[in-house]
PDB file of N, CA and C in Angstrom:
ATOM      1  N   MET A   1      81.438  72.904  81.003  1.00  0.00           N
ATOM      2  CA  MET A   1      80.131  73.055  80.427  1.00  0.00           C
ATOM      3  C   MET A   1      79.572  74.433  80.801  1.00  0.00           C
ATOM      4  N   ALA A   2      79.062  75.157  79.861  1.00  0.00           N
ATOM      5  CA  ALA A   2      78.527  76.480  80.095  1.00  0.00           C
ATOM      6  C   ALA A   2      77.075  76.388  80.629  1.00  0.00           C
ATOM      7  N   ILE A   3      76.760  77.300  81.513  1.00  0.00           N
ATOM      8  CA  ILE A   3      75.413  77.352  82.075  1.00  0.00           C
ATOM      9  C   ILE A   3      74.643  78.426  81.316  1.00  0.00           C
ATOM     10  N   SER A   4      73.451  78.088  80.875  1.00  0.00           N
ATOM     11  CA  SER A   4      72.623  79.022  80.134  1.00  0.00           C
ATOM     12  C   SER A   4      72.105  80.141  81.051  1.00  0.00           C
ATOM     13  N   LYS A   5      72.181  81.340  80.581  1.00  0.00           N
ATOM     14  CA  LYS A   5      71.660  82.491  81.345  1.00  0.00           C
ATOM     15  C   LYS A   5      70.269  82.880  80.887  1.00  0.00           C
ATOM     16  N   ALA A   6      69.701  82.143  79.961  1.00  0.00           N
ATOM     17  CA  ALA A   6      68.360  82.457  79.442  1.00  0.00           C
ATOM     18  C   ALA A   6      67.323  82.246  80.540  1.00  0.00           C
ATOM     19  N   PRO A   7      66.251  83.031  80.517  1.00  0.00           N
ATOM     20  CA  PRO A   7      65.220  82.841  81.533  1.00  0.00           C
ATOM     21  C   PRO A   7      64.547  81.482  81.389  1.00  0.00           C
ATOM     22  N   ARG A   8      64.267  80.843  82.530  1.00  0.00           N
ATOM     23  CA  ARG A   8      63.628  79.530  82.536  1.00  0.00           C
ATOM     24  C   ARG A   8      62.307  79.620  83.266  1.00  0.00           C
ATOM     25  N   CYS A   9      61.376  78.816  82.845  1.00  0.00           N
ATOM     26  CA  CYS A   9      60.107  78.730  83.543  1.00  0.00           C
ATOM     27  C   CYS A   9      60.187  77.558  84.515  1.00  0.00           C
ATOM     28  N   GLU A  10      59.936  77.813  85.780  1.00  0.00           N
ATOM     29  CA  GLU A  10      60.052  76.777  86.795  1.00  0.00           C
ATOM     30  C   GLU A  10      58.753  75.978  86.982  1.00  0.00           C
ATOM     31  N   ILE A  11      57.690  76.350  86.262  1.00  0.00           N
ATOM     32  CA  ILE A  11      56.450  75.588  86.339  1.00  0.00           C
ATOM     33  C   ILE A  11      56.087  75.059  84.955  1.00  0.00           C
ATOM     34  N   ARG A  12      55.579  73.871  84.929  1.00  0.00           N
ATOM     35  CA  ARG A  12      55.266  73.189  83.664  1.00  0.00           C
ATOM     36  C   ARG A  12      53.912  72.481  83.754  1.00  0.00           C
ATOM     37  N   CYS A  13      53.415  72.050  82.618  1.00  0.00           N
ATOM     38  CA  CYS A  13      52.209  71.234  82.534  1.00  0.00           C
ATOM     39  C   CYS A  13      52.605  69.840  82.050  1.00  0.00           C
ATOM     40  N   LEU A  14      51.873  68.849  82.491  1.00  0.00           N
ATOM     41  CA  LEU A  14      52.157  67.452  82.130  1.00  0.00           C
ATOM     42  C   LEU A  14      50.959  66.955  81.316  1.00  0.00           C
ATOM     43  N   VAL A  15      51.249  66.375  80.142  1.00  0.00           N
ATOM     44  CA  VAL A  15      50.202  65.889  79.249  1.00  0.00           C
ATOM     45  C   VAL A  15      50.544  64.485  78.800  1.00  0.00           C
ATOM     46  N   MET A  16      49.517  63.610  78.756  1.00  0.00           N
ATOM     47  CA  MET A  16      49.691  62.248  78.265  1.00  0.00           C
ATOM     48  C   MET A  16      48.918  62.116  76.953  1.00  0.00           C
ATOM     49  N   HIS A  17      49.587  61.651  75.914  1.00  0.00           N
ATOM     50  CA  HIS A  17      48.948  61.385  74.618  1.00  0.00           C
ATOM     51  C   HIS A  17      48.671  59.903  74.542  1.00  0.00           C
ATOM     52  N   ILE A  18      47.394  59.562  74.355  1.00  0.00           N
ATOM     53  CA  ILE A  18      46.962  58.168  74.319  1.00  0.00           C
ATOM     54  C   ILE A  18      46.570  57.793  72.920  1.00  0.00           C
ATOM     55  N   TYR A  19      47.107  56.690  72.422  1.00  0.00           N
ATOM     56  CA  TYR A  19      46.825  56.190  71.093  1.00  0.00           C
ATOM     57  C   TYR A  19      45.959  54.943  71.223  1.00  0.00           C
ATOM     58  N   PRO A  20      44.626  55.019  71.026  1.00  0.00           N
ATOM     59  CA  PRO A  20      43.740  53.887  71.244  1.00  0.00           C
ATOM     60  C   PRO A  20      44.073  52.677  70.365  1.00  0.00           C
ATOM     61  N   ASP A  21      44.534  52.914  69.149  1.00  0.00           N
ATOM     62  CA  ASP A  21      44.871  51.803  68.250  1.00  0.00           C
ATOM     63  C   ASP A  21      46.260  51.248  68.549  1.00  0.00           C
ATOM     64  N   GLY A  22      47.046  51.961  69.344  1.00  0.00           N
ATOM     65  CA  GLY A  22      48.405  51.519  69.660  1.00  0.00           C
ATOM     66  C   GLY A  22      49.410  51.902  68.589  1.00  0.00           C
ATOM     67  N   ILE A  23      48.986  52.670  67.584  1.00  0.00           N
ATOM     68  CA  ILE A  23      49.874  53.069  66.480  1.00  0.00           C
ATOM     69  C   ILE A  23      50.192  54.538  66.603  1.00  0.00           C
ATOM     70  N   LYS A  24      51.470  54.843  66.825  1.00  0.00           N
ATOM     71  CA  LYS A  24      51.901  56.227  66.950  1.00  0.00           C
ATOM     72  C   LYS A  24      52.387  56.747  65.599  1.00  0.00           C
ATOM     73  N   ALA A  25      51.461  57.033  64.704  1.00  0.00           N
ATOM     74  CA  ALA A  25      51.826  57.501  63.369  1.00  0.00           C
ATOM     75  C   ALA A  25      50.835  58.568  62.918  1.00  0.00           C
ATOM     76  N   TYR A  26      51.243  59.323  61.920  1.00  0.00           N
ATOM     77  CA  TYR A  26      50.412  60.369  61.374  1.00  0.00           C
ATOM     78  C   TYR A  26      49.106  59.794  60.834  1.00  0.00           C
ATOM     79  N   GLY A  27      48.014  60.444  61.156  1.00  0.00           N
ATOM     80  CA  GLY A  27      46.733  60.021  60.629  1.00  0.00           C
ATOM     81  C   GLY A  27      45.952  59.112  61.564  1.00  0.00           C
ATOM     82  N   HIS A  28      46.568  58.647  62.648  1.00  0.00           N
ATOM     83  CA  HIS A  28      45.860  57.776  63.575  1.00  0.00           C
ATOM     84  C   HIS A  28      45.340  58.612  64.735  1.00  0.00           C
ATOM     85  N   GLU A  29      44.306  58.130  65.372  1.00  0.00           N
ATOM     86  CA  GLU A  29      43.662  58.860  66.449  1.00  0.00           C
ATOM     87  C   GLU A  29      44.594  59.040  67.654  1.00  0.00           C
ATOM     88  N   ARG A  30      44.538  60.241  68.258  1.00  0.00           N
ATOM     89  CA  ARG A  30      45.319  60.537  69.446  1.00  0.00           C
ATOM     90  C   ARG A  30      44.446  61.304  70.428  1.00  0.00           C
ATOM     91  N   ILE A  31      44.397  60.866  71.656  1.00  0.00           N
ATOM     92  CA  ILE A  31      43.657  61.571  72.709  1.00  0.00           C
ATOM     93  C   ILE A  31      44.671  62.236  73.647  1.00  0.00           C
ATOM     94  N   THR A  32      44.488  63.527  73.901  1.00  0.00           N
ATOM     95  CA  THR A  32      45.392  64.259  74.763  1.00  0.00           C
ATOM     96  C   THR A  32      44.714  64.450  76.121  1.00  0.00           C
ATOM     97  N   GLN A  33      45.377  63.950  77.190  1.00  0.00           N
ATOM     98  CA  GLN A  33      44.814  63.968  78.540  1.00  0.00           C
ATOM     99  C   GLN A  33      45.752  64.707  79.474  1.00  0.00           C
ATOM    100  N   PRO A  34      45.365  65.858  80.050  1.00  0.00           N
ATOM    101  CA  PRO A  34      46.220  66.513  81.048  1.00  0.00           C
ATOM    102  C   PRO A  34      46.335  65.653  82.326  1.00  0.00           C
ATOM    103  N   ILE A  35      47.482  65.729  82.962  1.00  0.00           N
ATOM    104  CA  ILE A  35      47.741  64.960  84.163  1.00  0.00           C
ATOM    105  C   ILE A  35      47.962  65.952  85.313  1.00  0.00           C
ATOM    106  N   GLY A  36      47.386  65.647  86.476  1.00  0.00           N
ATOM    107  CA  GLY A  36      47.473  66.523  87.641  1.00  0.00           C
ATOM    108  C   GLY A  36      48.658  66.229  88.544  1.00  0.00           C
ATOM    109  N   ARG A  37      48.676  66.839  89.716  1.00  0.00           N
ATOM    110  CA  ARG A  37      49.793  66.729  90.661  1.00  0.00           C
ATOM    111  C   ARG A  37      49.986  65.344  91.210  1.00  0.00           C
ATOM    112  N   ARG A  38      48.927  64.568  91.283  1.00  0.00           N
ATOM    113  CA  ARG A  38      49.028  63.214  91.856  1.00  0.00           C
ATOM    114  C   ARG A  38      49.196  62.153  90.769  1.00  0.00           C
ATOM    115  N   GLY A  39      49.335  62.576  89.535  1.00  0.00           N
ATOM    116  CA  GLY A  39      49.516  61.603  88.447  1.00  0.00           C
ATOM    117  C   GLY A  39      48.215  61.065  87.894  1.00  0.00           C
ATOM    118  N   LYS A  40      47.112  61.683  88.240  1.00  0.00           N
ATOM    119  CA  LYS A  40      45.801  61.266  87.768  1.00  0.00           C
ATOM    120  C   LYS A  40      45.301  62.177  86.650  1.00  0.00           C
ATOM    121  N   PRO A  41      44.512  61.665  85.723  1.00  0.00           N
ATOM    122  CA  PRO A  41      43.954  62.515  84.659  1.00  0.00           C
ATOM    123  C   PRO A  41      43.018  63.580  85.228  1.00  0.00           C
ATOM    124  N   ILE A  42      43.083  64.780  84.662  1.00  0.00           N
ATOM    125  CA  ILE A  42      42.221  65.899  85.059  1.00  0.00           C
ATOM    126  C   ILE A  42      41.591  66.509  83.822  1.00  0.00           C
ATOM    127  N   LYS A  43      40.672  67.477  84.015  1.00  0.00           N
ATOM    128  CA  LYS A  43      39.934  68.031  82.902  1.00  0.00           C
ATOM    129  C   LYS A  43      40.656  69.153  82.168  1.00  0.00           C
ATOM    130  N   LYS A  44      41.446  69.978  82.833  1.00  0.00           N
ATOM    131  CA  LYS A  44      42.140  71.062  82.161  1.00  0.00           C
ATOM    132  C   LYS A  44      43.567  71.150  82.678  1.00  0.00           C
ATOM    133  N   LEU A  45      44.416  71.846  81.918  1.00  0.00           N
ATOM    134  CA  LEU A  45      45.830  71.947  82.274  1.00  0.00           C
ATOM    135  C   LEU A  45      46.047  72.605  83.625  1.00  0.00           C
ATOM    136  N   ARG A  46      46.938  72.059  84.411  1.00  0.00           N
ATOM    137  CA  ARG A  46      47.347  72.637  85.683  1.00  0.00           C
ATOM    138  C   ARG A  46      48.862  72.748  85.678  1.00  0.00           C
ATOM    139  N   TYR A  47      49.358  73.766  86.335  1.00  0.00           N
ATOM    140  CA  TYR A  47      50.816  73.956  86.405  1.00  0.00           C
ATOM    141  C   TYR A  47      51.387  73.190  87.591  1.00  0.00           C
ATOM    142  N   LEU A  48      52.572  72.613  87.385  1.00  0.00           N
ATOM    143  CA  LEU A  48      53.283  71.851  88.418  1.00  0.00           C
ATOM    144  C   LEU A  48      54.691  72.416  88.520  1.00  0.00           C
ATOM    145  N   PRO A  49      55.343  72.233  89.667  1.00  0.00           N
ATOM    146  CA  PRO A  49      56.762  72.557  89.715  1.00  0.00           C
ATOM    147  C   PRO A  49      57.519  71.681  88.721  1.00  0.00           C
ATOM    148  N   MET A  50      58.556  72.231  88.102  1.00  0.00           N
ATOM    149  CA  MET A  50      59.273  71.541  87.045  1.00  0.00           C
ATOM    150  C   MET A  50      59.808  70.189  87.468  1.00  0.00           C
ATOM    151  N   ALA A  51      60.389  70.095  88.658  1.00  0.00           N
ATOM    152  CA  ALA A  51      60.977  68.836  89.141  1.00  0.00           C
ATOM    153  C   ALA A  51      59.886  67.772  89.306  1.00  0.00           C
ATOM    154  N   ARG A  52      58.717  68.169  89.823  1.00  0.00           N
ATOM    155  CA  ARG A  52      57.617  67.219  90.026  1.00  0.00           C
ATOM    156  C   ARG A  52      57.066  66.740  88.683  1.00  0.00           C
ATOM    157  N   ALA A  53      56.941  67.646  87.720  1.00  0.00           N
ATOM    158  CA  ALA A  53      56.425  67.270  86.398  1.00  0.00           C
ATOM    159  C   ALA A  53      57.338  66.243  85.729  1.00  0.00           C
ATOM    160  N   HIS A  54      58.651  66.451  85.802  1.00  0.00           N
ATOM    161  CA  HIS A  54      59.582  65.506  85.202  1.00  0.00           C
ATOM    162  C   HIS A  54      59.593  64.184  85.937  1.00  0.00           C
ATOM    163  N   ALA A  55      59.450  64.201  87.263  1.00  0.00           N
ATOM    164  CA  ALA A  55      59.380  62.959  88.036  1.00  0.00           C
ATOM    165  C   ALA A  55      58.142  62.135  87.662  1.00  0.00           C
ATOM    166  N   LEU A  56      57.011  62.805  87.533  1.00  0.00           N
ATOM    167  CA  LEU A  56      55.798  62.092  87.110  1.00  0.00           C
ATOM    168  C   LEU A  56      55.928  61.570  85.680  1.00  0.00           C
ATOM    169  N   ALA A  57      56.565  62.316  84.795  1.00  0.00           N
ATOM    170  CA  ALA A  57      56.745  61.874  83.423  1.00  0.00           C
ATOM    171  C   ALA A  57      57.582  60.605  83.369  1.00  0.00           C
ATOM    172  N   ARG A  58      58.642  60.552  84.171  1.00  0.00           N
ATOM    173  CA  ARG A  58      59.460  59.329  84.228  1.00  0.00           C
ATOM    174  C   ARG A  58      58.662  58.158  84.750  1.00  0.00           C
ATOM    175  N   LYS A  59      57.795  58.391  85.718  1.00  0.00           N
ATOM    176  CA  LYS A  59      56.965  57.333  86.307  1.00  0.00           C
ATOM    177  C   LYS A  59      55.949  56.809  85.284  1.00  0.00           C
ATOM    178  N   LEU A  60      55.369  57.721  84.486  1.00  0.00           N
ATOM    179  CA  LEU A  60      54.305  57.348  83.561  1.00  0.00           C
ATOM    180  C   LEU A  60      54.787  56.837  82.216  1.00  0.00           C
ATOM    181  N   GLN A  61      56.043  57.065  81.860  1.00  0.00           N
ATOM    182  CA  GLN A  61      56.528  56.644  80.569  1.00  0.00           C
ATOM    183  C   GLN A  61      56.632  55.119  80.482  1.00  0.00           C
ATOM    184  N   GLY A  62      56.570  54.619  79.275  1.00  0.00           N
ATOM    185  CA  GLY A  62      56.740  53.186  79.039  1.00  0.00           C
ATOM    186  C   GLY A  62      55.449  52.403  78.948  1.00  0.00           C
ATOM    187  N   ARG A  63      54.299  53.058  79.149  1.00  0.00           N
ATOM    188  CA  ARG A  63      53.037  52.361  78.980  1.00  0.00           C
ATOM    189  C   ARG A  63      52.768  52.156  77.511  1.00  0.00           C
ATOM    190  N   PHE A  64      52.175  51.055  77.134  1.00  0.00           N
ATOM    191  CA  PHE A  64      51.903  50.749  75.723  1.00  0.00           C
ATOM    192  C   PHE A  64      50.863  51.715  75.167  1.00  0.00           C
ATOM    193  N   GLY A  65      51.142  52.298  74.039  1.00  0.00           N
ATOM    194  CA  GLY A  65      50.203  53.179  73.332  1.00  0.00           C
ATOM    195  C   GLY A  65      50.084  54.556  73.912  1.00  0.00           C
ATOM    196  N   THR A  66      51.093  55.002  74.695  1.00  0.00           N
ATOM    197  CA  THR A  66      51.039  56.352  75.261  1.00  0.00           C
ATOM    198  C   THR A  66      52.379  57.060  75.078  1.00  0.00           C
ATOM    199  N   THR A  67      52.321  58.381  75.118  1.00  0.00           N
ATOM    200  CA  THR A  67      53.506  59.241  75.132  1.00  0.00           C
ATOM    201  C   THR A  67      53.251  60.290  76.188  1.00  0.00           C
ATOM    202  N   VAL A  68      54.266  60.643  76.972  1.00  0.00           N
ATOM    203  CA  VAL A  68      54.127  61.660  78.015  1.00  0.00           C
ATOM    204  C   VAL A  68      54.949  62.863  77.625  1.00  0.00           C
ATOM    205  N   SER A  69      54.347  64.075  77.745  1.00  0.00           N
ATOM    206  CA  SER A  69      55.012  65.315  77.395  1.00  0.00           C
ATOM    207  C   SER A  69      54.963  66.276  78.563  1.00  0.00           C
ATOM    208  N   VAL A  70      56.075  66.970  78.798  1.00  0.00           N
ATOM    209  CA  VAL A  70      56.125  68.060  79.756  1.00  0.00           C
ATOM    210  C   VAL A  70      56.172  69.337  78.942  1.00  0.00           C
ATOM    211  N   VAL A  71      55.089  70.126  79.049  1.00  0.00           N
ATOM    212  CA  VAL A  71      54.928  71.319  78.229  1.00  0.00           C
ATOM    213  C   VAL A  71      55.207  72.566  79.051  1.00  0.00           C
TER     214      VAL A  71
END
């Protein structure tokens, strides 16, 4: 397997998309909530180390009516 030599960003942001109606489809309401270092909602985007962001995303995934994104 080849290793990519492209530059990588080692810090990321974690965002949770909440669907109040529970329907993840075009045209339905979506609330975007940034997540902080401790896994709690915060007011604006914060950068996290990449490994920590992915670990929190795995922990938060699977909740009904939500999607977790590492940006």
